[in-house]
Amino acid sequence: MNLLFRLLWVMLRAQFGAKHEPVTAPAQLKFRVWLTDQDMFLHMTNSRYLSFSDLGRMDLFIRSGLRKLLKAKRWRMEIRGQTMTINKMLKAPKPFVLETQIHGWDNQLLVMGQTFLRNGKNHARVVTLLEILDSSDNPVPPQALIDQIQPETTSPELSSALQDLILSSRANGTDAQK
């Protein structure tokens, strides 16, 4: 239930908050680890990191105008791959910052990252590969989406680690265009 309240808070804040520009700039949200976020070892349960990542992506999509455009075009995004690395567990009642950023894209996948920061230190990182699909389930190149909200924006260069993640996703058959 506590995620429902956070979801509503993020949606309202994003809808009425400042516009996010440029689309590739990091967006930040502040949260606090609640007792209900903890597992039996008294740190934030692993699944919560992915749930918070969903909230970060939603915030960026709404504030950048991507959500509105996706809805107008009847396009949607689907996760094609995701990795999570935890360096140090977050514990209640400690605050943390979730930083969400579009790292770049290729001809089919949008690469997003979320970093969980506490006192400026990286506690965890989630990288998500997203594919854009039209209403007929046909892939839409990410550049087509980006061009409509920020024309002439090109993808930042993807690191070799992110390129390897994309290749791994395709090799494992998670890519829709096989």
N, C-alpha and C. Protein backbone atom coordinates (compact mmCIF):
# COMPACT_ATOMS: atom_id res chain seq x y z
N MET A 1 0.82 -1.20 0.00
CA MET A 1 0.00 0.00 0.00
C MET A 1 0.86 1.26 0.00
N ASN A 2 2.02 1.22 0.67
CA ASN A 2 2.83 2.43 0.73
C ASN A 2 3.35 2.85 -0.64
N LEU A 3 3.51 1.89 -1.56
CA LEU A 3 3.93 2.26 -2.92
C LEU A 3 2.82 3.02 -3.65
N LEU A 4 1.57 2.75 -3.32
CA LEU A 4 0.47 3.49 -3.92
C LEU A 4 0.57 4.97 -3.58
N PHE A 5 0.85 5.28 -2.33
CA PHE A 5 1.00 6.68 -1.92
C PHE A 5 2.19 7.33 -2.61
N ARG A 6 3.26 6.60 -2.72
CA ARG A 6 4.44 7.13 -3.42
C ARG A 6 4.14 7.35 -4.89
N LEU A 7 3.41 6.41 -5.50
CA LEU A 7 3.03 6.55 -6.90
C LEU A 7 2.20 7.81 -7.11
N LEU A 8 1.20 8.02 -6.27
CA LEU A 8 0.37 9.22 -6.38
C LEU A 8 1.19 10.48 -6.18
N TRP A 9 2.11 10.46 -5.21
CA TRP A 9 2.97 11.62 -4.94
C TRP A 9 3.83 11.94 -6.16
N VAL A 10 4.44 10.91 -6.74
CA VAL A 10 5.32 11.11 -7.90
C VAL A 10 4.51 11.63 -9.09
N MET A 11 3.33 11.06 -9.32
CA MET A 11 2.51 11.50 -10.45
C MET A 11 2.07 12.96 -10.29
N LEU A 12 1.61 13.32 -9.10
CA LEU A 12 1.18 14.71 -8.87
C LEU A 12 2.35 15.68 -8.96
N ARG A 13 3.45 15.32 -8.35
CA ARG A 13 4.64 16.18 -8.38
C ARG A 13 5.12 16.37 -9.82
N ALA A 14 5.13 15.29 -10.59
CA ALA A 14 5.60 15.37 -11.98
C ALA A 14 4.64 16.19 -12.84
N GLN A 15 3.34 15.97 -12.64
CA GLN A 15 2.34 16.65 -13.46
C GLN A 15 2.36 18.16 -13.25
N PHE A 16 2.56 18.58 -12.02
CA PHE A 16 2.49 20.01 -11.71
C PHE A 16 3.85 20.63 -11.41
N GLY A 17 4.90 19.83 -11.52
CA GLY A 17 6.25 20.32 -11.23
C GLY A 17 6.92 20.93 -12.45
N ALA A 18 8.17 21.23 -12.28
CA ALA A 18 8.96 21.85 -13.35
C ALA A 18 9.18 20.87 -14.49
N LYS A 19 9.19 21.41 -15.70
CA LYS A 19 9.47 20.60 -16.88
C LYS A 19 10.92 20.14 -16.83
N HIS A 20 11.15 18.93 -17.32
CA HIS A 20 12.51 18.36 -17.31
C HIS A 20 13.15 18.53 -18.68
N GLU A 21 14.21 19.32 -18.75
CA GLU A 21 14.95 19.51 -20.00
C GLU A 21 16.43 19.61 -19.70
N PRO A 22 17.28 19.19 -20.58
CA PRO A 22 17.00 18.35 -21.74
C PRO A 22 16.64 16.92 -21.32
N VAL A 23 16.10 16.18 -22.25
CA VAL A 23 15.59 14.84 -21.94
C VAL A 23 16.70 13.91 -21.43
N THR A 24 17.95 14.17 -21.80
CA THR A 24 19.04 13.30 -21.36
C THR A 24 19.68 13.74 -20.04
N ALA A 25 19.19 14.82 -19.46
CA ALA A 25 19.73 15.30 -18.17
C ALA A 25 19.19 14.44 -17.03
N PRO A 26 19.96 14.29 -15.94
CA PRO A 26 19.47 13.50 -14.81
C PRO A 26 18.31 14.19 -14.09
N ALA A 27 17.35 13.40 -13.65
CA ALA A 27 16.22 13.89 -12.84
C ALA A 27 16.36 13.26 -11.46
N GLN A 28 16.04 14.01 -10.43
CA GLN A 28 16.20 13.49 -9.07
C GLN A 28 14.89 13.52 -8.30
N LEU A 29 14.69 12.48 -7.52
CA LEU A 29 13.57 12.37 -6.59
C LEU A 29 14.13 12.01 -5.22
N LYS A 30 13.55 12.60 -4.17
CA LYS A 30 13.98 12.28 -2.81
C LYS A 30 12.96 11.35 -2.17
N PHE A 31 13.48 10.32 -1.54
CA PHE A 31 12.65 9.35 -0.83
C PHE A 31 13.28 9.05 0.52
N ARG A 32 12.56 8.26 1.29
CA ARG A 32 13.07 7.77 2.57
C ARG A 32 12.71 6.29 2.65
N VAL A 33 13.61 5.49 3.16
CA VAL A 33 13.33 4.06 3.36
C VAL A 33 12.40 3.94 4.56
N TRP A 34 11.23 3.36 4.35
CA TRP A 34 10.28 3.15 5.43
C TRP A 34 10.46 1.74 6.00
N LEU A 35 9.92 1.53 7.18
CA LEU A 35 10.01 0.21 7.80
C LEU A 35 9.39 -0.87 6.91
N THR A 36 8.34 -0.51 6.19
CA THR A 36 7.66 -1.48 5.31
C THR A 36 8.47 -1.79 4.06
N ASP A 37 9.56 -1.08 3.83
CA ASP A 37 10.44 -1.35 2.69
C ASP A 37 11.51 -2.38 3.04
N GLN A 38 11.60 -2.73 4.31
CA GLN A 38 12.70 -3.58 4.77
C GLN A 38 12.35 -5.06 4.71
N ASP A 39 13.41 -5.86 4.60
CA ASP A 39 13.24 -7.30 4.69
C ASP A 39 13.67 -7.78 6.08
N MET A 40 13.80 -9.06 6.25
CA MET A 40 14.12 -9.60 7.58
C MET A 40 15.53 -9.25 8.05
N PHE A 41 16.37 -8.76 7.14
CA PHE A 41 17.73 -8.36 7.51
C PHE A 41 17.83 -6.87 7.82
N LEU A 42 16.67 -6.21 7.87
CA LEU A 42 16.55 -4.79 8.22
C LEU A 42 17.26 -3.86 7.25
N HIS A 43 17.21 -4.21 5.98
CA HIS A 43 17.61 -3.27 4.94
C HIS A 43 16.56 -3.34 3.83
N MET A 44 16.61 -2.37 2.91
CA MET A 44 15.58 -2.31 1.88
C MET A 44 15.61 -3.60 1.05
N THR A 45 14.44 -4.19 0.89
CA THR A 45 14.33 -5.43 0.15
C THR A 45 14.69 -5.21 -1.33
N ASN A 46 15.27 -6.20 -1.95
CA ASN A 46 15.77 -6.06 -3.31
C ASN A 46 14.70 -5.60 -4.30
N SER A 47 13.49 -6.10 -4.16
CA SER A 47 12.43 -5.75 -5.11
C SER A 47 12.07 -4.27 -5.06
N ARG A 48 12.28 -3.63 -3.93
CA ARG A 48 11.95 -2.20 -3.80
C ARG A 48 12.83 -1.34 -4.72
N TYR A 49 14.07 -1.76 -4.94
CA TYR A 49 14.94 -0.98 -5.82
C TYR A 49 14.31 -0.89 -7.22
N LEU A 50 13.77 -1.99 -7.70
CA LEU A 50 13.13 -1.98 -9.02
C LEU A 50 11.83 -1.18 -9.00
N SER A 51 11.09 -1.25 -7.90
CA SER A 51 9.86 -0.46 -7.78
C SER A 51 10.16 1.03 -7.76
N PHE A 52 11.19 1.42 -7.02
CA PHE A 52 11.58 2.83 -7.03
C PHE A 52 12.07 3.25 -8.42
N SER A 53 12.72 2.35 -9.13
CA SER A 53 13.17 2.66 -10.49
C SER A 53 11.98 2.96 -11.40
N ASP A 54 10.89 2.20 -11.23
CA ASP A 54 9.67 2.48 -11.99
C ASP A 54 9.18 3.90 -11.72
N LEU A 55 9.21 4.30 -10.45
CA LEU A 55 8.77 5.66 -10.08
C LEU A 55 9.67 6.71 -10.71
N GLY A 56 10.96 6.46 -10.73
CA GLY A 56 11.90 7.41 -11.34
C GLY A 56 11.67 7.56 -12.84
N ARG A 57 11.43 6.43 -13.51
CA ARG A 57 11.16 6.50 -14.96
C ARG A 57 9.85 7.25 -15.21
N MET A 58 8.83 6.97 -14.40
CA MET A 58 7.56 7.65 -14.56
C MET A 58 7.73 9.17 -14.41
N ASP A 59 8.45 9.59 -13.39
CA ASP A 59 8.69 11.02 -13.16
C ASP A 59 9.36 11.65 -14.38
N LEU A 60 10.41 11.02 -14.88
CA LEU A 60 11.12 11.58 -16.03
C LEU A 60 10.23 11.61 -17.27
N PHE A 61 9.47 10.54 -17.50
CA PHE A 61 8.59 10.50 -18.68
C PHE A 61 7.52 11.59 -18.63
N ILE A 62 6.94 11.81 -17.46
CA ILE A 62 5.89 12.83 -17.34
C ILE A 62 6.49 14.22 -17.50
N ARG A 63 7.54 14.52 -16.75
CA ARG A 63 8.09 15.88 -16.76
C ARG A 63 8.79 16.25 -18.07
N SER A 64 9.28 15.27 -18.81
CA SER A 64 9.95 15.56 -20.08
C SER A 64 8.97 15.67 -21.24
N GLY A 65 7.73 15.23 -21.03
CA GLY A 65 6.74 15.25 -22.11
C GLY A 65 6.66 13.93 -22.86
N LEU A 66 7.51 12.97 -22.52
CA LEU A 66 7.50 11.68 -23.21
C LEU A 66 6.18 10.93 -22.99
N ARG A 67 5.65 10.95 -21.77
CA ARG A 67 4.41 10.23 -21.48
C ARG A 67 3.25 10.76 -22.31
N LYS A 68 3.15 12.08 -22.39
CA LYS A 68 2.07 12.71 -23.15
C LYS A 68 2.17 12.32 -24.63
N LEU A 69 3.38 12.33 -25.15
CA LEU A 69 3.60 11.97 -26.55
C LEU A 69 3.29 10.50 -26.79
N LEU A 70 3.75 9.63 -25.90
CA LEU A 70 3.47 8.20 -26.03
C LEU A 70 1.96 7.95 -26.05
N LYS A 71 1.25 8.63 -25.16
CA LYS A 71 -0.21 8.46 -25.08
C LYS A 71 -0.89 8.97 -26.35
N ALA A 72 -0.46 10.13 -26.84
CA ALA A 72 -1.07 10.70 -28.05
C ALA A 72 -0.85 9.80 -29.27
N LYS A 73 0.30 9.19 -29.36
CA LYS A 73 0.63 8.32 -30.50
C LYS A 73 0.13 6.89 -30.31
N ARG A 74 -0.35 6.60 -29.09
CA ARG A 74 -0.76 5.24 -28.73
C ARG A 74 0.41 4.27 -28.79
N TRP A 75 1.57 4.78 -28.39
CA TRP A 75 2.78 3.97 -28.28
C TRP A 75 2.94 3.57 -26.82
N ARG A 76 3.73 2.56 -26.59
CA ARG A 76 4.03 2.14 -25.22
C ARG A 76 5.49 1.68 -25.15
N MET A 77 5.98 1.59 -23.94
CA MET A 77 7.34 1.10 -23.73
C MET A 77 7.27 -0.22 -22.97
N GLU A 78 8.12 -1.15 -23.38
CA GLU A 78 8.23 -2.42 -22.68
C GLU A 78 9.68 -2.66 -22.31
N ILE A 79 9.87 -3.23 -21.14
CA ILE A 79 11.23 -3.54 -20.68
C ILE A 79 11.74 -4.77 -21.43
N ARG A 80 12.93 -4.65 -22.02
CA ARG A 80 13.56 -5.75 -22.74
C ARG A 80 14.75 -6.33 -21.98
N GLY A 81 15.21 -5.62 -20.98
CA GLY A 81 16.32 -6.11 -20.17
C GLY A 81 16.53 -5.18 -18.99
N GLN A 82 17.05 -5.73 -17.92
CA GLN A 82 17.27 -4.91 -16.72
C GLN A 82 18.34 -5.56 -15.86
N THR A 83 19.22 -4.72 -15.33
CA THR A 83 20.24 -5.21 -14.39
C THR A 83 20.20 -4.35 -13.14
N MET A 84 20.60 -4.96 -12.04
CA MET A 84 20.65 -4.23 -10.77
C MET A 84 21.95 -4.61 -10.06
N THR A 85 22.64 -3.59 -9.57
CA THR A 85 23.85 -3.79 -8.78
C THR A 85 23.69 -3.03 -7.48
N ILE A 86 23.84 -3.73 -6.37
CA ILE A 86 23.73 -3.09 -5.06
C ILE A 86 25.12 -3.06 -4.43
N ASN A 87 25.60 -1.85 -4.16
CA ASN A 87 26.91 -1.68 -3.53
C ASN A 87 26.81 -1.69 -2.02
N LYS A 88 25.77 -1.04 -1.51
CA LYS A 88 25.54 -0.97 -0.07
C LYS A 88 24.04 -0.81 0.14
N MET A 89 23.50 -1.62 1.03
CA MET A 89 22.06 -1.62 1.25
C MET A 89 21.60 -0.34 1.95
N LEU A 90 20.41 0.11 1.57
CA LEU A 90 19.78 1.25 2.22
C LEU A 90 18.95 0.75 3.40
N LYS A 91 18.93 1.52 4.48
CA LYS A 91 18.22 1.11 5.69
C LYS A 91 17.27 2.21 6.16
N ALA A 92 16.20 1.80 6.84
CA ALA A 92 15.24 2.75 7.41
C ALA A 92 15.86 3.41 8.63
N PRO A 93 15.48 4.60 8.92
CA PRO A 93 14.60 5.55 8.21
C PRO A 93 15.40 6.53 7.36
N LYS A 94 16.45 6.07 6.74
CA LYS A 94 17.39 6.94 6.04
C LYS A 94 16.81 7.48 4.73
N PRO A 95 17.06 8.77 4.45
CA PRO A 95 16.66 9.35 3.17
C PRO A 95 17.66 8.96 2.08
N PHE A 96 17.20 8.98 0.85
CA PHE A 96 18.09 8.75 -0.29
C PHE A 96 17.55 9.52 -1.49
N VAL A 97 18.39 9.69 -2.48
CA VAL A 97 18.02 10.37 -3.72
C VAL A 97 18.06 9.33 -4.84
N LEU A 98 17.01 9.31 -5.64
CA LEU A 98 16.97 8.46 -6.83
C LEU A 98 17.23 9.35 -8.03
N GLU A 99 18.32 9.07 -8.72
CA GLU A 99 18.67 9.85 -9.91
C GLU A 99 18.37 8.99 -11.14
N THR A 100 17.55 9.52 -12.04
CA THR A 100 17.14 8.81 -13.24
C THR A 100 17.65 9.55 -14.46
N GLN A 101 18.18 8.81 -15.42
CA GLN A 101 18.73 9.45 -16.61
C GLN A 101 18.60 8.54 -17.82
N ILE A 102 18.31 9.16 -18.96
CA ILE A 102 18.38 8.44 -20.23
C ILE A 102 19.84 8.48 -20.66
N HIS A 103 20.45 7.31 -20.73
CA HIS A 103 21.87 7.24 -21.09
C HIS A 103 22.08 7.32 -22.59
N GLY A 104 21.08 6.91 -23.36
CA GLY A 104 21.21 6.95 -24.82
C GLY A 104 20.28 5.93 -25.44
N TRP A 105 20.48 5.70 -26.73
CA TRP A 105 19.64 4.77 -27.46
C TRP A 105 20.36 4.32 -28.72
N ASP A 106 19.88 3.19 -29.24
CA ASP A 106 20.35 2.74 -30.54
C ASP A 106 19.15 2.76 -31.47
N ASN A 107 19.16 1.95 -32.52
CA ASN A 107 18.05 1.98 -33.48
C ASN A 107 16.77 1.34 -32.95
N GLN A 108 16.85 0.66 -31.79
CA GLN A 108 15.66 0.01 -31.27
C GLN A 108 15.43 0.17 -29.77
N LEU A 109 16.48 0.31 -28.99
CA LEU A 109 16.32 0.32 -27.54
C LEU A 109 16.75 1.63 -26.91
N LEU A 110 15.97 2.06 -25.93
CA LEU A 110 16.28 3.23 -25.11
C LEU A 110 16.93 2.70 -23.83
N VAL A 111 18.06 3.29 -23.43
CA VAL A 111 18.79 2.82 -22.25
C VAL A 111 18.65 3.85 -21.14
N MET A 112 18.08 3.42 -20.02
CA MET A 112 17.90 4.31 -18.87
C MET A 112 18.63 3.74 -17.67
N GLY A 113 19.07 4.64 -16.80
CA GLY A 113 19.73 4.22 -15.58
C GLY A 113 19.18 4.96 -14.38
N GLN A 114 19.12 4.26 -13.26
CA GLN A 114 18.73 4.87 -12.00
C GLN A 114 19.84 4.59 -10.99
N THR A 115 20.24 5.63 -10.28
CA THR A 115 21.26 5.50 -9.25
C THR A 115 20.65 5.89 -7.92
N PHE A 116 20.86 5.06 -6.91
CA PHE A 116 20.36 5.32 -5.56
C PHE A 116 21.51 5.93 -4.76
N LEU A 117 21.36 7.18 -4.39
CA LEU A 117 22.42 7.93 -3.72
C LEU A 117 22.04 8.23 -2.28
N ARG A 118 22.99 8.07 -1.40
CA ARG A 118 22.83 8.48 0.00
C ARG A 118 24.09 9.25 0.36
N ASN A 119 23.90 10.49 0.80
CA ASN A 119 25.04 11.37 1.10
C ASN A 119 26.00 11.45 -0.08
N GLY A 120 25.44 11.47 -1.29
CA GLY A 120 26.26 11.60 -2.50
C GLY A 120 26.97 10.33 -2.93
N LYS A 121 26.78 9.23 -2.20
CA LYS A 121 27.47 7.98 -2.53
C LYS A 121 26.50 7.01 -3.20
N ASN A 122 27.01 6.30 -4.20
CA ASN A 122 26.22 5.33 -4.96
C ASN A 122 26.00 4.08 -4.12
N HIS A 123 24.72 3.82 -3.79
CA HIS A 123 24.38 2.61 -3.03
C HIS A 123 23.89 1.49 -3.95
N ALA A 124 23.24 1.86 -5.04
CA ALA A 124 22.72 0.86 -5.97
C ALA A 124 22.51 1.49 -7.33
N ARG A 125 22.47 0.63 -8.34
CA ARG A 125 22.27 1.12 -9.71
C ARG A 125 21.40 0.12 -10.46
N VAL A 126 20.45 0.65 -11.21
CA VAL A 126 19.58 -0.16 -12.07
C VAL A 126 19.70 0.38 -13.48
N VAL A 127 19.91 -0.51 -14.44
CA VAL A 127 19.94 -0.13 -15.85
C VAL A 127 18.80 -0.88 -16.54
N THR A 128 18.02 -0.15 -17.32
CA THR A 128 16.84 -0.71 -17.97
C THR A 128 16.90 -0.46 -19.46
N LEU A 129 16.63 -1.49 -20.25
CA LEU A 129 16.52 -1.38 -21.70
C LEU A 129 15.04 -1.37 -22.05
N LEU A 130 14.61 -0.34 -22.75
CA LEU A 130 13.19 -0.19 -23.09
C LEU A 130 13.01 -0.17 -24.60
N GLU A 131 11.98 -0.85 -25.05
CA GLU A 131 11.62 -0.82 -26.46
C GLU A 131 10.30 -0.08 -26.60
N ILE A 132 10.20 0.77 -27.61
CA ILE A 132 8.98 1.51 -27.90
C ILE A 132 8.21 0.75 -28.97
N LEU A 133 6.92 0.51 -28.71
CA LEU A 133 6.07 -0.21 -29.65
C LEU A 133 4.86 0.65 -30.00
N ASP A 134 4.43 0.57 -31.27
CA ASP A 134 3.23 1.30 -31.66
C ASP A 134 2.00 0.46 -31.31
N SER A 135 0.82 0.93 -31.68
CA SER A 135 -0.42 0.24 -31.30
C SER A 135 -0.58 -1.12 -31.98
N SER A 136 0.22 -1.36 -33.03
CA SER A 136 0.19 -2.67 -33.71
C SER A 136 1.36 -3.56 -33.29
N ASP A 137 2.04 -3.18 -32.22
CA ASP A 137 3.20 -3.91 -31.70
C ASP A 137 4.42 -3.86 -32.60
N ASN A 138 4.49 -2.88 -33.48
CA ASN A 138 5.67 -2.70 -34.31
C ASN A 138 6.67 -1.81 -33.57
N PRO A 139 7.96 -2.15 -33.64
CA PRO A 139 8.97 -1.33 -32.96
C PRO A 139 9.04 0.08 -33.56
N VAL A 140 9.24 1.04 -32.69
CA VAL A 140 9.44 2.44 -33.08
C VAL A 140 10.86 2.82 -32.67
N PRO A 141 11.67 3.33 -33.59
CA PRO A 141 13.02 3.74 -33.20
C PRO A 141 12.97 4.84 -32.13
N PRO A 142 13.76 4.72 -31.07
CA PRO A 142 13.75 5.75 -30.02
C PRO A 142 14.02 7.16 -30.56
N GLN A 143 14.82 7.26 -31.61
CA GLN A 143 15.11 8.58 -32.17
C GLN A 143 13.83 9.27 -32.64
N ALA A 144 12.86 8.48 -33.15
CA ALA A 144 11.59 9.05 -33.61
C ALA A 144 10.83 9.69 -32.45
N LEU A 145 10.91 9.10 -31.28
CA LEU A 145 10.27 9.65 -30.08
C LEU A 145 11.00 10.90 -29.61
N ILE A 146 12.30 10.82 -29.48
CA ILE A 146 13.10 11.95 -28.99
C ILE A 146 12.97 13.14 -29.92
N ASP A 147 12.96 12.90 -31.23
CA ASP A 147 12.86 14.00 -32.21
C ASP A 147 11.59 14.82 -32.02
N GLN A 148 10.54 14.20 -31.52
CA GLN A 148 9.28 14.91 -31.39
C GLN A 148 9.22 15.80 -30.15
N ILE A 149 10.08 15.56 -29.18
CA ILE A 149 10.08 16.46 -28.02
C ILE A 149 11.30 17.37 -27.98
N GLN A 150 12.40 16.90 -28.56
CA GLN A 150 13.61 17.72 -28.64
C GLN A 150 14.31 17.44 -29.97
N PRO A 151 13.84 18.09 -31.05
CA PRO A 151 14.43 17.85 -32.37
C PRO A 151 15.94 18.07 -32.36
N GLU A 152 16.60 17.32 -33.20
CA GLU A 152 18.05 17.42 -33.39
C GLU A 152 18.86 16.96 -32.18
N THR A 153 18.21 16.27 -31.25
CA THR A 153 18.94 15.67 -30.13
C THR A 153 19.43 14.31 -30.57
N THR A 154 20.71 14.07 -30.41
CA THR A 154 21.26 12.77 -30.76
C THR A 154 21.60 12.01 -29.49
N SER A 155 21.70 10.71 -29.63
CA SER A 155 22.00 9.87 -28.47
C SER A 155 23.41 10.15 -27.97
N PRO A 156 23.54 10.31 -26.65
CA PRO A 156 24.89 10.33 -26.09
C PRO A 156 25.55 8.99 -26.41
N GLU A 157 26.86 8.97 -26.49
CA GLU A 157 27.56 7.73 -26.77
C GLU A 157 27.37 6.76 -25.60
N LEU A 158 26.98 5.55 -25.94
CA LEU A 158 26.78 4.53 -24.91
C LEU A 158 28.12 3.91 -24.54
N SER A 159 28.32 3.70 -23.25
CA SER A 159 29.56 3.07 -22.79
C SER A 159 29.64 1.65 -23.32
N SER A 160 30.81 1.08 -23.30
CA SER A 160 30.97 -0.30 -23.78
C SER A 160 30.15 -1.27 -22.91
N ALA A 161 30.04 -0.98 -21.62
CA ALA A 161 29.24 -1.84 -20.73
C ALA A 161 27.77 -1.82 -21.14
N LEU A 162 27.25 -0.64 -21.49
CA LEU A 162 25.85 -0.55 -21.92
C LEU A 162 25.66 -1.19 -23.28
N GLN A 163 26.62 -1.03 -24.17
CA GLN A 163 26.55 -1.70 -25.48
C GLN A 163 26.56 -3.22 -25.30
N ASP A 164 27.37 -3.71 -24.37
CA ASP A 164 27.41 -5.15 -24.09
C ASP A 164 26.07 -5.64 -23.54
N LEU A 165 25.43 -4.82 -22.70
CA LEU A 165 24.12 -5.19 -22.16
C LEU A 165 23.09 -5.30 -23.28
N ILE A 166 23.13 -4.37 -24.22
CA ILE A 166 22.22 -4.43 -25.38
C ILE A 166 22.48 -5.69 -26.19
N LEU A 167 23.74 -5.98 -26.47
CA LEU A 167 24.09 -7.18 -27.24
C LEU A 167 23.65 -8.44 -26.51
N SER A 168 23.83 -8.47 -25.21
CA SER A 168 23.41 -9.62 -24.41
C SER A 168 21.90 -9.80 -24.47
N SER A 169 21.18 -8.69 -24.41
CA SER A 169 19.72 -8.73 -24.49
C SER A 169 19.28 -9.35 -25.81
N ARG A 170 19.93 -8.92 -26.87
CA ARG A 170 19.57 -9.45 -28.20
C ARG A 170 19.97 -10.92 -28.33
N ALA A 171 21.13 -11.28 -27.81
CA ALA A 171 21.60 -12.66 -27.90
C ALA A 171 20.70 -13.61 -27.12
N ASN A 172 20.09 -13.10 -26.05
CA ASN A 172 19.22 -13.93 -25.22
C ASN A 172 17.78 -13.96 -25.72
N GLY A 173 17.53 -13.32 -26.85
CA GLY A 173 16.20 -13.39 -27.44
C GLY A 173 15.18 -12.49 -26.80
N THR A 174 15.62 -11.50 -26.00
CA THR A 174 14.66 -10.60 -25.38
C THR A 174 14.34 -9.44 -26.29
N ASP A 175 15.03 -9.33 -27.38
CA ASP A 175 14.80 -8.26 -28.33
C ASP A 175 13.64 -8.66 -29.23
N ALA A 176 12.69 -7.78 -29.45
CA ALA A 176 11.50 -8.12 -30.24
C ALA A 176 11.85 -8.40 -31.70
N GLN A 177 12.87 -7.75 -32.24
CA GLN A 177 13.26 -8.00 -33.63
C GLN A 177 14.33 -9.08 -33.66
N LYS A 178 13.91 -10.31 -33.82
CA LYS A 178 14.87 -11.43 -33.82
C LYS A 178 15.26 -11.77 -35.23
